[in-house]
Amino acid sequence: MKKTNFDIYLEEQLKDPDFAERFEKAGEAWDVALQLAALREKAGLSQKDLARKLHTSQQQISRLESPSYEGHSLSMLRRVAEALGATVRVILEAPGQTEPMILSEAKVPYKIRRKP
């Protein structure tokens, strides 16, 4: 398939390490935004409906679903996931890592202590 002018331009820009880093981070934010919106829509909820469930504003849900937003907190992602019947999984990878890190021989469940 022939490369478009944009493909050629992007390849050239990605040679700049600063640009490449910003481009990768933007892609991560885009992925989070798309996943949140897709889960919400699959649950049959509007942004306003989800906001009500989370006791927040529709504007906050809109912000979370915006590809340009990079202020997602783990606690808010967990709240949204719980409201949508999903789970949050965060993966940190070392440079050049191709296999997942094994932290223990067997998965060990842990208990979350909740205040009575």
Protein backbone atom coordinates (compact mmCIF):
# COMPACT_ATOMS: atom_id res chain seq x y z
CA MET A 1 0.00 0.00 0.00
CA LYS A 2 1.32 3.41 -0.93
CA LYS A 3 2.21 5.80 1.89
CA THR A 4 0.18 8.95 2.15
CA ASN A 5 1.72 12.38 2.65
CA PHE A 6 0.58 12.18 6.26
CA ASP A 7 2.33 8.80 6.74
CA ILE A 8 5.57 10.26 5.38
CA TYR A 9 5.20 13.38 7.54
CA LEU A 10 4.47 11.32 10.67
CA GLU A 11 7.48 9.05 10.07
CA GLU A 12 9.68 12.12 9.85
CA GLN A 13 8.21 13.68 13.00
CA LEU A 14 8.59 10.43 14.97
CA LYS A 15 12.36 10.63 14.48
CA ASP A 16 12.30 13.46 17.05
CA PRO A 17 12.38 11.75 20.49
CA ASP A 18 10.37 14.54 22.16
CA PHE A 19 7.65 14.33 19.53
CA ALA A 20 7.62 10.52 19.67
CA GLU A 21 7.14 10.60 23.45
CA ARG A 22 4.29 13.13 23.23
CA PHE A 23 2.70 11.12 20.40
CA GLU A 24 2.80 7.90 22.45
CA LYS A 25 1.30 9.59 25.53
CA ALA A 26 -1.48 11.09 23.41
CA GLY A 27 -2.25 7.61 22.11
CA GLU A 28 -2.55 6.28 25.66
CA ALA A 29 -5.00 9.05 26.61
CA TRP A 30 -6.97 8.37 23.41
CA ASP A 31 -7.20 4.65 24.32
CA VAL A 32 -8.51 5.42 27.81
CA ALA A 33 -11.08 7.88 26.46
CA LEU A 34 -12.37 5.44 23.83
CA GLN A 35 -12.59 2.58 26.33
CA LEU A 36 -14.56 4.68 28.82
CA ALA A 37 -17.01 5.89 26.18
CA ALA A 38 -17.46 2.39 24.74
CA LEU A 39 -18.13 0.85 28.17
CA ARG A 40 -20.61 3.59 29.04
CA GLU A 41 -22.45 3.17 25.74
CA LYS A 42 -22.46 -0.64 26.09
CA ALA A 43 -24.10 -0.17 29.49
CA GLY A 44 -26.78 1.93 27.78
CA LEU A 45 -25.94 5.05 29.78
CA SER A 46 -25.63 8.65 28.71
CA GLN A 47 -22.87 10.79 30.18
CA LYS A 48 -25.52 12.38 32.39
CA ASP A 49 -26.74 8.96 33.60
CA LEU A 50 -23.22 7.86 34.49
CA ALA A 51 -22.54 11.17 36.23
CA ARG A 52 -25.62 10.64 38.41
CA LYS A 53 -24.43 7.16 39.38
CA LEU A 54 -21.03 8.57 40.35
CA HIS A 55 -22.39 11.70 42.06
CA THR A 56 -20.41 13.92 39.72
CA SER A 57 -21.18 16.19 36.78
CA GLN A 58 -21.80 15.35 33.14
CA GLN A 59 -18.91 17.70 32.35
CA GLN A 60 -16.55 15.50 34.40
CA ILE A 61 -17.62 12.41 32.43
CA SER A 62 -17.15 14.34 29.19
CA ARG A 63 -13.67 15.33 30.34
CA LEU A 64 -12.79 11.71 31.16
CA GLU A 65 -13.91 10.67 27.69
CA SER A 66 -11.94 13.41 25.96
CA PRO A 67 -8.84 12.15 24.08
CA SER A 68 -6.98 15.31 25.05
CA TYR A 69 -7.55 14.83 28.80
CA GLU A 70 -4.62 13.35 30.71
CA GLY A 71 -5.76 13.87 34.30
CA HIS A 72 -7.33 10.47 34.89
CA SER A 73 -6.85 9.35 38.48
CA LEU A 74 -6.75 5.71 39.37
CA SER A 75 -9.45 6.23 41.98
CA MET A 76 -11.82 7.84 39.44
CA LEU A 77 -11.13 5.12 36.87
CA ARG A 78 -11.98 2.54 39.54
CA ARG A 79 -15.24 4.35 40.39
CA VAL A 80 -16.24 4.49 36.72
CA ALA A 81 -15.28 0.85 36.16
CA GLU A 82 -17.30 -0.27 39.19
CA ALA A 83 -20.35 1.67 38.00
CA LEU A 84 -20.02 0.03 34.57
CA GLY A 85 -19.30 -3.48 35.85
CA ALA A 86 -15.74 -3.42 34.57
CA THR A 87 -12.29 -3.64 36.12
CA VAL A 88 -9.20 -1.49 35.82
CA ARG A 89 -5.92 -3.09 34.84
CA VAL A 90 -2.73 -1.04 34.69
CA ILE A 91 0.38 -2.43 33.04
CA LEU A 92 3.81 -0.91 33.52
CA GLU A 93 6.50 -2.18 31.20
CA ALA A 94 10.24 -1.80 31.44
CA PRO A 95 12.01 -0.59 28.27
CA GLY A 96 12.45 -3.51 25.89
CA GLN A 97 10.26 -5.80 27.99
CA THR A 98 8.43 -8.33 25.84
CA GLU A 99 7.14 -10.75 28.49
CA PRO A 100 4.91 -9.83 31.44
CA MET A 101 6.68 -9.51 34.78
CA ILE A 102 6.00 -12.37 37.17
CA LEU A 103 5.79 -11.01 40.69
CA SER A 104 5.04 -14.27 42.48
CA GLU A 105 4.75 -17.97 41.74
CA ALA A 106 1.01 -17.97 42.33
CA LYS A 107 -1.56 -15.24 42.34
CA VAL A 108 -2.25 -14.32 45.94
CA PRO A 109 -5.61 -12.71 46.62
CA TYR A 110 -5.62 -9.82 49.02
CA LYS A 111 -8.44 -8.43 51.05
CA ILE A 112 -9.55 -4.86 50.92
CA ARG A 113 -10.43 -3.61 54.37
CA ARG A 114 -13.47 -1.46 54.33
CA LYS A 115 -14.48 0.85 57.13
CA PRO A 116 -17.55 -0.44 59.01
